PDB file of N, CA and C in Angstrom:
ATOM      1  N   MET A   1       0.892  -1.091   0.183  1.00  0.00           N
ATOM      2  CA  MET A   1       0.173  -0.281  -0.220  1.00  0.00           C
ATOM      3  C   MET A   1       0.777   1.462  -0.015  1.00  0.00           C
ATOM      4  N   GLU A   2       0.881   2.389  -0.775  1.00  0.00           N
ATOM      5  CA  GLU A   2       1.414   3.235  -0.998  1.00  0.00           C
ATOM      6  C   GLU A   2       0.877   4.435   0.256  1.00  0.00           C
ATOM      7  N   SER A   3       2.049   4.934   0.728  1.00  0.00           N
ATOM      8  CA  SER A   3       2.086   5.910   1.542  1.00  0.00           C
ATOM      9  C   SER A   3       1.074   7.331   0.867  1.00  0.00           C
ATOM     10  N   TYR A   4       0.750   8.009   2.163  1.00  0.00           N
ATOM     11  CA  TYR A   4      -0.526   9.149   1.515  1.00  0.00           C
ATOM     12  C   TYR A   4       1.066  10.065   0.662  1.00  0.00           C
ATOM     13  N   HIS A   5       2.139  10.322   1.153  1.00  0.00           N
ATOM     14  CA  HIS A   5       2.956  10.951   0.626  1.00  0.00           C
ATOM     15  C   HIS A   5       3.573  10.903  -0.577  1.00  0.00           C
ATOM     16  N   VAL A   6       3.792   9.569  -0.893  1.00  0.00           N
ATOM     17  CA  VAL A   6       4.011   9.222  -2.346  1.00  0.00           C
ATOM     18  C   VAL A   6       2.998   9.458  -3.124  1.00  0.00           C
ATOM     19  N   ARG A   7       1.920   9.327  -3.009  1.00  0.00           N
ATOM     20  CA  ARG A   7       0.554   9.242  -3.704  1.00  0.00           C
ATOM     21  C   ARG A   7       0.490  10.869  -4.045  1.00  0.00           C
ATOM     22  N   LYS A   8       0.658  11.916  -3.136  1.00  0.00           N
ATOM     23  CA  LYS A   8       0.771  13.321  -3.065  1.00  0.00           C
ATOM     24  C   LYS A   8       1.741  13.736  -4.170  1.00  0.00           C
ATOM     25  N   LYS A   9       3.292  12.795  -4.191  1.00  0.00           N
ATOM     26  CA  LYS A   9       3.877  13.381  -5.304  1.00  0.00           C
ATOM     27  C   LYS A   9       3.594  12.839  -6.414  1.00  0.00           C
ATOM     28  N   ARG A  10       3.123  11.968  -6.670  1.00  0.00           N
ATOM     29  CA  ARG A  10       3.032  11.418  -7.886  1.00  0.00           C
ATOM     30  C   ARG A  10       1.515  11.986  -8.736  1.00  0.00           C
ATOM     31  N   PHE A  11       0.687  12.447  -7.746  1.00  0.00           N
ATOM     32  CA  PHE A  11      -0.327  13.201  -8.148  1.00  0.00           C
ATOM     33  C   PHE A  11       0.328  14.950  -8.972  1.00  0.00           C
ATOM     34  N   GLY A  12       1.482  15.307  -8.258  1.00  0.00           N
ATOM     35  CA  GLY A  12       1.872  16.663  -7.870  1.00  0.00           C
ATOM     36  C   GLY A  12       2.664  16.266  -9.601  1.00  0.00           C
ATOM     37  N   GLN A  13       3.411  15.264 -10.198  1.00  0.00           N
ATOM     38  CA  GLN A  13       4.182  14.906 -11.255  1.00  0.00           C
ATOM     39  C   GLN A  13       3.111  14.678 -12.372  1.00  0.00           C
ATOM     40  N   ILE A  14       1.981  14.555 -11.934  1.00  0.00           N
ATOM     41  CA  ILE A  14       0.821  14.504 -13.221  1.00  0.00           C
ATOM     42  C   ILE A  14       0.395  15.738 -13.626  1.00  0.00           C
ATOM     43  N   VAL A  15       0.055  16.418 -12.678  1.00  0.00           N
ATOM     44  CA  VAL A  15      -0.326  17.541 -12.810  1.00  0.00           C
ATOM     45  C   VAL A  15       0.561  18.891 -13.265  1.00  0.00           C
ATOM     46  N   LEU A  16       1.734  18.674 -13.153  1.00  0.00           N
ATOM     47  CA  LEU A  16       3.418  19.711 -13.713  1.00  0.00           C
ATOM     48  C   LEU A  16       3.177  18.865 -15.246  1.00  0.00           C
ATOM     49  N   SER A  17       3.334  17.845 -15.760  1.00  0.00           N
ATOM     50  CA  SER A  17       3.112  17.224 -16.601  1.00  0.00           C
ATOM     51  C   SER A  17       2.189  17.958 -17.761  1.00  0.00           C
ATOM     52  N   LEU A  18       0.884  17.423 -17.173  1.00  0.00           N
ATOM     53  CA  LEU A  18       0.056  17.675 -17.952  1.00  0.00           C
ATOM     54  C   LEU A  18       0.303  19.520 -18.026  1.00  0.00           C
ATOM     55  N   GLY A  19       0.439  20.478 -17.266  1.00  0.00           N
ATOM     56  CA  GLY A  19       0.677  21.694 -17.610  1.00  0.00           C
ATOM     57  C   GLY A  19       1.617  21.955 -18.244  1.00  0.00           C
ATOM     58  N   VAL A  20       2.649  21.691 -18.378  1.00  0.00           N
ATOM     59  CA  VAL A  20       3.726  21.763 -19.381  1.00  0.00           C
ATOM     60  C   VAL A  20       3.092  21.285 -20.448  1.00  0.00           C
ATOM     61  N   PHE A  21       2.478  19.989 -20.729  1.00  0.00           N
ATOM     62  CA  PHE A  21       1.637  19.839 -22.134  1.00  0.00           C
ATOM     63  C   PHE A  21       0.868  21.167 -22.653  1.00  0.00           C
ATOM     64  N   LEU A  22       0.109  21.246 -21.868  1.00  0.00           N
ATOM     65  CA  LEU A  22      -0.753  22.325 -22.190  1.00  0.00           C
ATOM     66  C   LEU A  22      -0.122  23.749 -22.161  1.00  0.00           C
ATOM     67  N   ILE A  23       1.433  24.004 -21.980  1.00  0.00           N
ATOM     68  CA  ILE A  23       1.814  25.023 -22.405  1.00  0.00           C
ATOM     69  C   ILE A  23       2.144  25.209 -23.828  1.00  0.00           C
ATOM     70  N   PHE A  24       2.714  23.758 -24.166  1.00  0.00           N
ATOM     71  CA  PHE A  24       3.213  24.019 -25.385  1.00  0.00           C
ATOM     72  C   PHE A  24       2.188  23.410 -26.103  1.00  0.00           C
ATOM     73  N   MET A  25       1.236  23.082 -26.282  1.00  0.00           N
ATOM     74  CA  MET A  25      -0.029  22.762 -27.063  1.00  0.00           C
ATOM     75  C   MET A  25      -0.343  24.317 -27.367  1.00  0.00           C
ATOM     76  N   ALA A  26      -0.457  25.298 -26.466  1.00  0.00           N
ATOM     77  CA  ALA A  26      -0.877  26.952 -26.554  1.00  0.00           C
ATOM     78  C   ALA A  26       0.204  27.446 -27.823  1.00  0.00           C
ATOM     79  N   VAL A  27       1.335  27.520 -27.290  1.00  0.00           N
ATOM     80  CA  VAL A  27       2.296  27.748 -28.552  1.00  0.00           C
ATOM     81  C   VAL A  27       2.556  27.078 -29.157  1.00  0.00           C
ATOM     82  N   PHE A  28       2.403  25.894 -29.272  1.00  0.00           N
ATOM     83  CA  PHE A  28       1.982  25.263 -31.150  1.00  0.00           C
ATOM     84  C   PHE A  28       0.719  25.631 -31.474  1.00  0.00           C
ATOM     85  N   LEU A  29      -0.270  26.080 -31.040  1.00  0.00           N
ATOM     86  CA  LEU A  29      -1.208  26.777 -31.492  1.00  0.00           C
ATOM     87  C   LEU A  29      -1.497  28.486 -31.998  1.00  0.00           C
ATOM     88  N   THR A  30      -0.361  28.880 -31.542  1.00  0.00           N
ATOM     89  CA  THR A  30      -0.221  30.189 -31.634  1.00  0.00           C
ATOM     90  C   THR A  30       0.293  30.245 -32.606  1.00  0.00           C
ATOM     91  N   GLY A  31       1.344  29.132 -32.881  1.00  0.00           N
ATOM     92  CA  GLY A  31       2.231  29.309 -34.373  1.00  0.00           C
ATOM     93  C   GLY A  31       1.758  28.947 -35.290  1.00  0.00           C
ATOM     94  N   ILE A  32       0.826  28.106 -35.362  1.00  0.00           N
ATOM     95  CA  ILE A  32       0.056  27.702 -36.365  1.00  0.00           C
ATOM     96  C   ILE A  32      -0.547  28.873 -36.913  1.00  0.00           C
ATOM     97  N   GLN A  33      -1.698  29.545 -35.770  1.00  0.00           N
ATOM     98  CA  GLN A  33      -2.407  30.641 -36.337  1.00  0.00           C
ATOM     99  C   GLN A  33      -2.055  31.941 -37.435  1.00  0.00           C
ATOM    100  N   SER A  34      -0.224  31.907 -36.696  1.00  0.00           N
ATOM    101  CA  SER A  34       0.410  32.882 -37.353  1.00  0.00           C
ATOM    102  C   SER A  34       0.993  32.526 -38.606  1.00  0.00           C
ATOM    103  N   VAL A  35       1.148  31.790 -38.569  1.00  0.00           N
ATOM    104  CA  VAL A  35       1.716  30.883 -39.902  1.00  0.00           C
ATOM    105  C   VAL A  35       0.160  31.237 -40.720  1.00  0.00           C
ATOM    106  N   SER A  36      -1.116  30.782 -40.741  1.00  0.00           N
ATOM    107  CA  SER A  36      -2.399  30.856 -40.917  1.00  0.00           C
ATOM    108  C   SER A  36      -2.788  32.126 -41.877  1.00  0.00           C
ATOM    109  N   SER A  37      -2.483  33.088 -40.654  1.00  0.00           N
ATOM    110  CA  SER A  37      -2.541  34.849 -40.606  1.00  0.00           C
ATOM    111  C   SER A  37      -1.381  35.056 -42.186  1.00  0.00           C
ATOM    112  N   VAL A  38      -0.040  34.682 -41.939  1.00  0.00           N
ATOM    113  CA  VAL A  38       0.677  35.147 -42.637  1.00  0.00           C
ATOM    114  C   VAL A  38       0.657  34.844 -44.318  1.00  0.00           C
ATOM    115  N   THR A  39       0.204  33.412 -44.199  1.00  0.00           N
ATOM    116  CA  THR A  39      -0.180  32.967 -45.771  1.00  0.00           C
ATOM    117  C   THR A  39      -1.783  33.075 -46.255  1.00  0.00           C
ATOM    118  N   GLU A  40      -2.896  33.967 -45.853  1.00  0.00           N
ATOM    119  CA  GLU A  40      -3.786  34.548 -45.806  1.00  0.00           C
ATOM    120  C   GLU A  40      -3.698  35.891 -46.302  1.00  0.00           C
ATOM    121  N   GLU A  41      -2.178  36.586 -46.077  1.00  0.00           N
ATOM    122  CA  GLU A  41      -2.184  38.124 -46.553  1.00  0.00           C
ATOM    123  C   GLU A  41      -1.556  37.890 -47.920  1.00  0.00           C
ATOM    124  N   THR A  42      -0.238  36.650 -48.107  1.00  0.00           N
ATOM    125  CA  THR A  42      -0.035  36.416 -49.042  1.00  0.00           C
ATOM    126  C   THR A  42      -0.786  36.196 -49.970  1.00  0.00           C
ATOM    127  N   GLU A  43      -1.961  35.325 -49.946  1.00  0.00           N
ATOM    128  CA  GLU A  43      -2.509  35.251 -51.103  1.00  0.00           C
ATOM    129  C   GLU A  43      -3.751  36.126 -51.510  1.00  0.00           C
ATOM    130  N   MET A  44      -4.085  37.152 -50.560  1.00  0.00           N
ATOM    131  CA  MET A  44      -4.404  38.074 -50.956  1.00  0.00           C
ATOM    132  C   MET A  44      -3.782  39.358 -51.695  1.00  0.00           C
ATOM    133  N   GLU A  45      -2.472  39.376 -51.556  1.00  0.00           N
ATOM    134  CA  GLU A  45      -1.880  40.147 -51.985  1.00  0.00           C
ATOM    135  C   GLU A  45      -1.387  39.516 -53.408  1.00  0.00           C
ATOM    136  N   ASN A  46      -1.051  38.061 -53.895  1.00  0.00           N
ATOM    137  CA  ASN A  46      -1.122  37.326 -54.781  1.00  0.00           C
ATOM    138  C   ASN A  46      -2.793  38.096 -55.978  1.00  0.00           C
ATOM    139  N   ILE A  47      -3.609  37.933 -55.288  1.00  0.00           N
ATOM    140  CA  ILE A  47      -5.105  37.930 -55.822  1.00  0.00           C
ATOM    141  C   ILE A  47      -4.823  39.445 -56.347  1.00  0.00           C
ATOM    142  N   GLU A  48      -4.719  39.883 -55.907  1.00  0.00           N
ATOM    143  CA  GLU A  48      -4.203  41.571 -56.372  1.00  0.00           C
ATOM    144  C   GLU A  48      -3.601  42.002 -57.274  1.00  0.00           C
ATOM    145  N   LYS A  49      -2.074  41.155 -57.209  1.00  0.00           N
ATOM    146  CA  LYS A  49      -1.420  41.603 -58.340  1.00  0.00           C
ATOM    147  C   LYS A  49      -2.105  40.686 -59.793  1.00  0.00           C
ATOM    148  N   ALA A  50      -2.489  39.645 -59.237  1.00  0.00           N
ATOM    149  CA  ALA A  50      -3.163  39.034 -60.863  1.00  0.00           C
ATOM    150  C   ALA A  50      -4.088  39.740 -61.102  1.00  0.00           C
ATOM    151  N   VAL A  51      -4.928  40.742 -60.843  1.00  0.00           N
ATOM    152  CA  VAL A  51      -5.736  41.366 -61.103  1.00  0.00           C
ATOM    153  C   VAL A  51      -5.279  42.498 -61.820  1.00  0.00           C
ATOM    154  N   VAL A  52      -3.969  43.236 -61.409  1.00  0.00           N
ATOM    155  CA  VAL A  52      -3.761  44.160 -61.703  1.00  0.00           C
ATOM    156  C   VAL A  52      -2.789  43.625 -62.786  1.00  0.00           C
ATOM    157  N   GLN A  53      -1.566  42.330 -62.962  1.00  0.00           N
ATOM    158  CA  GLN A  53      -1.563  42.417 -64.194  1.00  0.00           C
ATOM    159  C   GLN A  53      -2.053  41.899 -65.420  1.00  0.00           C
ATOM    160  N   SER A  54      -3.318  41.398 -64.859  1.00  0.00           N
ATOM    161  CA  SER A  54      -3.979  40.972 -66.315  1.00  0.00           C
ATOM    162  C   SER A  54      -4.778  42.683 -66.487  1.00  0.00           C
ATOM    163  N   ALA A  55      -5.233  43.459 -65.901  1.00  0.00           N
ATOM    164  CA  ALA A  55      -5.545  44.795 -66.059  1.00  0.00           C
ATOM    165  C   ALA A  55      -4.779  45.216 -67.039  1.00  0.00           C
ATOM    166  N   VAL A  56      -3.340  45.277 -66.838  1.00  0.00           N
ATOM    167  CA  VAL A  56      -2.117  46.171 -67.460  1.00  0.00           C
ATOM    168  C   VAL A  56      -1.931  44.983 -68.800  1.00  0.00           C
ATOM    169  N   LEU A  57      -1.785  43.932 -68.721  1.00  0.00           N
ATOM    170  CA  LEU A  57      -1.863  43.395 -69.927  1.00  0.00           C
ATOM    171  C   LEU A  57      -2.980  43.249 -70.886  1.00  0.00           C
ATOM    172  N   CYS A  58      -4.196  43.696 -70.446  1.00  0.00           N
ATOM    173  CA  CYS A  58      -5.072  43.951 -70.965  1.00  0.00           C
ATOM    174  C   CYS A  58      -5.336  45.523 -71.824  1.00  0.00           C
ATOM    175  N   TYR A  59      -4.318  46.385 -70.721  1.00  0.00           N
ATOM    176  CA  TYR A  59      -4.309  48.007 -71.428  1.00  0.00           C
ATOM    177  C   TYR A  59      -3.119  48.032 -72.398  1.00  0.00           C
ATOM    178  N   GLY A  60      -2.476  46.971 -72.345  1.00  0.00           N
ATOM    179  CA  GLY A  60      -1.028  46.894 -73.294  1.00  0.00           C
ATOM    180  C   GLY A  60      -1.463  46.397 -74.834  1.00  0.00           C
ATOM    181  N   THR A  61      -2.319  45.601 -74.547  1.00  0.00           N
ATOM    182  CA  THR A  61      -2.898  44.701 -75.587  1.00  0.00           C
ATOM    183  C   THR A  61      -4.337  45.661 -76.681  1.00  0.00           C
ATOM    184  N   GLU A  62      -5.479  46.172 -75.617  1.00  0.00           N
ATOM    185  CA  GLU A  62      -6.343  46.616 -76.378  1.00  0.00           C
ATOM    186  C   GLU A  62      -6.345  48.350 -76.649  1.00  0.00           C
ATOM    187  N   GLY A  63      -5.358  48.773 -75.777  1.00  0.00           N
ATOM    188  CA  GLY A  63      -5.431  50.283 -75.546  1.00  0.00           C
ATOM    189  C   GLY A  63      -6.217  50.859 -74.577  1.00  0.00           C
ATOM    190  N   ALA A  64      -6.801  49.832 -73.253  1.00  0.00           N
ATOM    191  CA  ALA A  64      -7.729  50.555 -72.737  1.00  0.00           C
ATOM    192  C   ALA A  64      -7.729  49.389 -71.360  1.00  0.00           C
ATOM    193  N   TYR A  65      -7.759  50.128 -70.388  1.00  0.00           N
ATOM    194  CA  TYR A  65      -8.100  48.838 -69.068  1.00  0.00           C
ATOM    195  C   TYR A  65      -9.556  48.369 -69.466  1.00  0.00           C
ATOM    196  N   PRO A  66      -9.920  47.463 -68.891  1.00  0.00           N
ATOM    197  CA  PRO A  66     -11.419  46.727 -68.851  1.00  0.00           C
ATOM    198  C   PRO A  66     -11.916  47.613 -67.959  1.00  0.00           C
ATOM    199  N   GLU A  67     -13.427  47.185 -68.405  1.00  0.00           N
ATOM    200  CA  GLU A  67     -14.311  47.959 -67.811  1.00  0.00           C
ATOM    201  C   GLU A  67     -14.721  47.366 -66.628  1.00  0.00           C
ATOM    202  N   SER A  68     -14.561  45.734 -66.772  1.00  0.00           N
ATOM    203  CA  SER A  68     -14.802  45.121 -65.343  1.00  0.00           C
ATOM    204  C   SER A  68     -13.959  43.842 -65.207  1.00  0.00           C
ATOM    205  N   LEU A  69     -14.270  43.107 -63.878  1.00  0.00           N
ATOM    206  CA  LEU A  69     -13.627  42.468 -63.073  1.00  0.00           C
ATOM    207  C   LEU A  69     -13.995  40.736 -64.124  1.00  0.00           C
ATOM    208  N   ALA A  70     -15.144  40.935 -64.401  1.00  0.00           N
ATOM    209  CA  ALA A  70     -15.754  39.708 -65.403  1.00  0.00           C
ATOM    210  C   ALA A  70     -15.206  39.717 -66.616  1.00  0.00           C
ATOM    211  N   TYR A  71     -14.652  40.910 -67.419  1.00  0.00           N
ATOM    212  CA  TYR A  71     -13.888  41.040 -68.685  1.00  0.00           C
ATOM    213  C   TYR A  71     -12.593  40.073 -68.703  1.00  0.00           C
ATOM    214  N   LEU A  72     -12.435  40.521 -67.534  1.00  0.00           N
ATOM    215  CA  LEU A  72     -10.495  40.265 -67.258  1.00  0.00           C
ATOM    216  C   LEU A  72     -10.956  38.503 -67.213  1.00  0.00           C
ATOM    217  N   LYS A  73     -11.720  37.652 -66.445  1.00  0.00           N
ATOM    218  CA  LYS A  73     -12.086  36.570 -66.392  1.00  0.00           C
ATOM    219  C   LYS A  73     -12.478  35.841 -67.344  1.00  0.00           C
ATOM    220  N   GLU A  74     -13.134  36.622 -68.367  1.00  0.00           N
ATOM    221  CA  GLU A  74     -13.679  35.962 -69.380  1.00  0.00           C
ATOM    222  C   GLU A  74     -12.425  36.174 -70.504  1.00  0.00           C
ATOM    223  N   HIS A  75     -11.503  36.986 -70.845  1.00  0.00           N
ATOM    224  CA  HIS A  75     -10.884  37.270 -71.385  1.00  0.00           C
ATOM    225  C   HIS A  75      -8.939  36.989 -71.396  1.00  0.00           C
ATOM    226  N   TYR A  76      -8.775  36.876 -69.808  1.00  0.00           N
ATOM    227  CA  TYR A  76      -7.778  36.699 -69.663  1.00  0.00           C
ATOM    228  C   TYR A  76      -7.229  35.728 -68.731  1.00  0.00           C
ATOM    229  N   GLY A  77      -8.214  34.629 -68.376  1.00  0.00           N
ATOM    230  CA  GLY A  77      -7.970  33.644 -67.421  1.00  0.00           C
ATOM    231  C   GLY A  77      -8.045  33.989 -66.108  1.00  0.00           C
ATOM    232  N   LEU A  78      -8.386  35.188 -65.553  1.00  0.00           N
ATOM    233  CA  LEU A  78      -8.408  35.349 -64.255  1.00  0.00           C
ATOM    234  C   LEU A  78      -9.041  34.733 -63.190  1.00  0.00           C
ATOM    235  N   HIS A  79      -8.670  33.985 -62.333  1.00  0.00           N
ATOM    236  CA  HIS A  79      -9.418  33.456 -61.566  1.00  0.00           C
ATOM    237  C   HIS A  79      -9.121  33.139 -60.017  1.00  0.00           C
ATOM    238  N   TYR A  80     -10.242  33.038 -59.396  1.00  0.00           N
ATOM    239  CA  TYR A  80      -9.647  33.282 -57.728  1.00  0.00           C
ATOM    240  C   TYR A  80     -10.923  32.694 -57.108  1.00  0.00           C
ATOM    241  N   ASN A  81     -10.708  32.351 -55.816  1.00  0.00           N
ATOM    242  CA  ASN A  81     -12.050  31.805 -55.073  1.00  0.00           C
ATOM    243  C   ASN A  81     -12.494  32.884 -54.525  1.00  0.00           C
ATOM    244  N   GLU A  82     -13.754  32.791 -55.379  1.00  0.00           N
ATOM    245  CA  GLU A  82     -14.867  33.865 -54.899  1.00  0.00           C
ATOM    246  C   GLU A  82     -15.933  33.453 -53.805  1.00  0.00           C
ATOM    247  N   GLU A  83     -15.600  32.227 -53.259  1.00  0.00           N
ATOM    248  CA  GLU A  83     -15.967  31.903 -52.035  1.00  0.00           C
ATOM    249  C   GLU A  83     -15.354  32.125 -51.110  1.00  0.00           C
ATOM    250  N   LYS A  84     -14.312  32.839 -51.076  1.00  0.00           N
ATOM    251  CA  LYS A  84     -13.461  33.106 -49.970  1.00  0.00           C
ATOM    252  C   LYS A  84     -13.060  34.372 -50.054  1.00  0.00           C
ATOM    253  N   TYR A  85     -12.987  34.791 -51.264  1.00  0.00           N
ATOM    254  CA  TYR A  85     -12.675  36.366 -51.259  1.00  0.00           C
ATOM    255  C   TYR A  85     -13.213  37.297 -52.108  1.00  0.00           C
ATOM    256  N   ILE A  86     -13.589  38.443 -51.952  1.00  0.00           N
ATOM    257  CA  ILE A  86     -14.254  39.645 -53.011  1.00  0.00           C
ATOM    258  C   ILE A  86     -12.994  40.396 -53.619  1.00  0.00           C
ATOM    259  N   VAL A  87     -13.196  40.652 -54.644  1.00  0.00           N
ATOM    260  CA  VAL A  87     -12.210  41.526 -55.233  1.00  0.00           C
ATOM    261  C   VAL A  87     -13.053  42.963 -55.974  1.00  0.00           C
ATOM    262  N   ASP A  88     -12.917  43.602 -54.810  1.00  0.00           N
ATOM    263  CA  ASP A  88     -13.158  45.322 -55.510  1.00  0.00           C
ATOM    264  C   ASP A  88     -12.273  46.258 -56.658  1.00  0.00           C
ATOM    265  N   TYR A  89     -13.150  46.358 -57.629  1.00  0.00           N
ATOM    266  CA  TYR A  89     -12.458  46.557 -59.073  1.00  0.00           C
ATOM    267  C   TYR A  89     -13.026  47.701 -59.398  1.00  0.00           C
ATOM    268  N   GLU A  90     -12.374  48.807 -58.945  1.00  0.00           N
ATOM    269  CA  GLU A  90     -12.518  50.175 -59.325  1.00  0.00           C
ATOM    270  C   GLU A  90     -12.402  50.994 -60.269  1.00  0.00           C
ATOM    271  N   ILE A  91     -13.066  51.134 -61.795  1.00  0.00           N
ATOM    272  CA  ILE A  91     -12.739  51.568 -62.940  1.00  0.00           C
ATOM    273  C   ILE A  91     -12.668  53.362 -62.175  1.00  0.00           C
ATOM    274  N   ILE A  92     -11.577  53.830 -63.147  1.00  0.00           N
ATOM    275  CA  ILE A  92     -11.792  54.967 -62.707  1.00  0.00           C
ATOM    276  C   ILE A  92     -11.579  55.974 -64.513  1.00  0.00           C
ATOM    277  N   ALA A  93     -10.832  55.096 -65.139  1.00  0.00           N
ATOM    278  CA  ALA A  93     -11.049  55.872 -66.758  1.00  0.00           C
ATOM    279  C   ALA A  93     -10.474  55.212 -67.656  1.00  0.00           C
ATOM    280  N   LYS A  94     -10.957  54.989 -68.608  1.00  0.00           N
ATOM    281  CA  LYS A  94      -9.777  53.564 -69.257  1.00  0.00           C
ATOM    282  C   LYS A  94      -8.360  53.768 -69.640  1.00  0.00           C
ATOM    283  N   ASN A  95      -8.017  54.869 -69.226  1.00  0.00           N
ATOM    284  CA  ASN A  95      -6.732  55.074 -69.487  1.00  0.00           C
ATOM    285  C   ASN A  95      -5.808  55.265 -68.343  1.00  0.00           C
ATOM    286  N   ILE A  96      -6.161  55.290 -67.451  1.00  0.00           N
ATOM    287  CA  ILE A  96      -5.753  55.213 -65.782  1.00  0.00           C
ATOM    288  C   ILE A  96      -6.319  53.731 -65.117  1.00  0.00           C
ATOM    289  N   ARG A  97      -4.909  53.243 -64.651  1.00  0.00           N
ATOM    290  CA  ARG A  97      -4.912  51.741 -64.250  1.00  0.00           C
ATOM    291  C   ARG A  97      -6.312  51.702 -62.574  1.00  0.00           C
ATOM    292  N   PRO A  98      -7.119  50.819 -62.791  1.00  0.00           N
ATOM    293  CA  PRO A  98      -8.104  50.946 -61.789  1.00  0.00           C
ATOM    294  C   PRO A  98      -7.642  50.413 -60.591  1.00  0.00           C
ATOM    295  N   GLN A  99      -8.286  50.861 -59.402  1.00  0.00           N
ATOM    296  CA  GLN A  99      -7.974  50.745 -58.063  1.00  0.00           C
ATOM    297  C   GLN A  99      -8.486  49.010 -57.476  1.00  0.00           C
ATOM    298  N   VAL A 100      -7.944  48.274 -57.365  1.00  0.00           N
ATOM    299  CA  VAL A 100      -8.239  47.022 -56.800  1.00  0.00           C
ATOM    300  C   VAL A 100      -7.798  46.636 -55.250  1.00  0.00           C
ATOM    301  N   ARG A 101      -8.688  45.915 -54.271  1.00  0.00           N
ATOM    302  CA  ARG A 101      -8.629  45.986 -53.175  1.00  0.00           C
ATOM    303  C   ARG A 101      -9.441  44.473 -52.734  1.00  0.00           C
ATOM    304  N   VAL A 102      -8.600  43.567 -52.336  1.00  0.00           N
ATOM    305  CA  VAL A 102      -9.032  42.149 -52.145  1.00  0.00           C
ATOM    306  C   VAL A 102      -9.405  42.308 -50.428  1.00  0.00           C
ATOM    307  N   VAL A 103     -10.498  41.393 -50.167  1.00  0.00           N
ATOM    308  CA  VAL A 103     -11.474  41.547 -48.725  1.00  0.00           C
ATOM    309  C   VAL A 103     -11.669  40.113 -48.840  1.00  0.00           C
ATOM    310  N   ARG A 104     -11.396  39.423 -47.282  1.00  0.00           N
ATOM    311  CA  ARG A 104     -11.560  37.910 -47.661  1.00  0.00           C
ATOM    312  C   ARG A 104     -13.364  38.113 -46.815  1.00  0.00           C
ATOM    313  N   LEU A 105     -13.681  37.394 -47.054  1.00  0.00           N
ATOM    314  CA  LEU A 105     -15.547  36.939 -46.468  1.00  0.00           C
ATOM    315  C   LEU A 105     -15.159  36.829 -45.281  1.00  0.00           C
ATOM    316  N   SER A 106     -16.132  37.272 -44.661  1.00  0.00           N
ATOM    317  CA  SER A 106     -16.047  36.557 -42.536  1.00  0.00           C
ATOM    318  C   SER A 106     -16.809  35.188 -42.930  1.00  0.00           C
ATOM    319  N   GLY A 107     -16.495  35.027 -41.942  1.00  0.00           N
ATOM    320  CA  GLY A 107     -17.052  33.396 -41.249  1.00  0.00           C
ATOM    321  C   GLY A 107     -16.995  32.378 -42.328  1.00  0.00           C
ATOM    322  N   GLU A 108     -15.847  32.373 -43.157  1.00  0.00           N
ATOM    323  CA  GLU A 108     -15.270  31.527 -44.217  1.00  0.00           C
ATOM    324  C   GLU A 108     -14.402  30.718 -43.041  1.00  0.00           C
ATOM    325  N   GLY A 109     -14.468  29.095 -42.770  1.00  0.00           N
ATOM    326  CA  GLY A 109     -13.608  28.667 -41.993  1.00  0.00           C
ATOM    327  C   GLY A 109     -12.950  27.606 -42.601  1.00  0.00           C
ATOM    328  N   SER A 110     -11.425  27.904 -42.499  1.00  0.00           N
ATOM    329  CA  SER A 110     -10.311  27.800 -43.388  1.00  0.00           C
ATOM    330  C   SER A 110      -9.553  27.504 -44.199  1.00  0.00           C
TER     331      SER A 110
END
């Protein structure tokens, strides 16, 4: 039969081990979240660059910036995840590069 002190010591070791494990899990999950955030920002920048490059290619080819994002999709092969991002494509004039902004849709898990 174990003495009270031996059981108390063993219980303390288990609690300490569990505490260290939980700390490591918290650090790990924080790291994953940070990487995910950076990846999402990079993806949004890449979408914006793709839209701008397609518009500039259209301008170089046709002599005017396209009037809509749909035109770039149809004629210049632009595509992105429309369920995850919204692209705000604001045309100013046919000879001025459009303003482009990418926004992540809220409530998207993943």
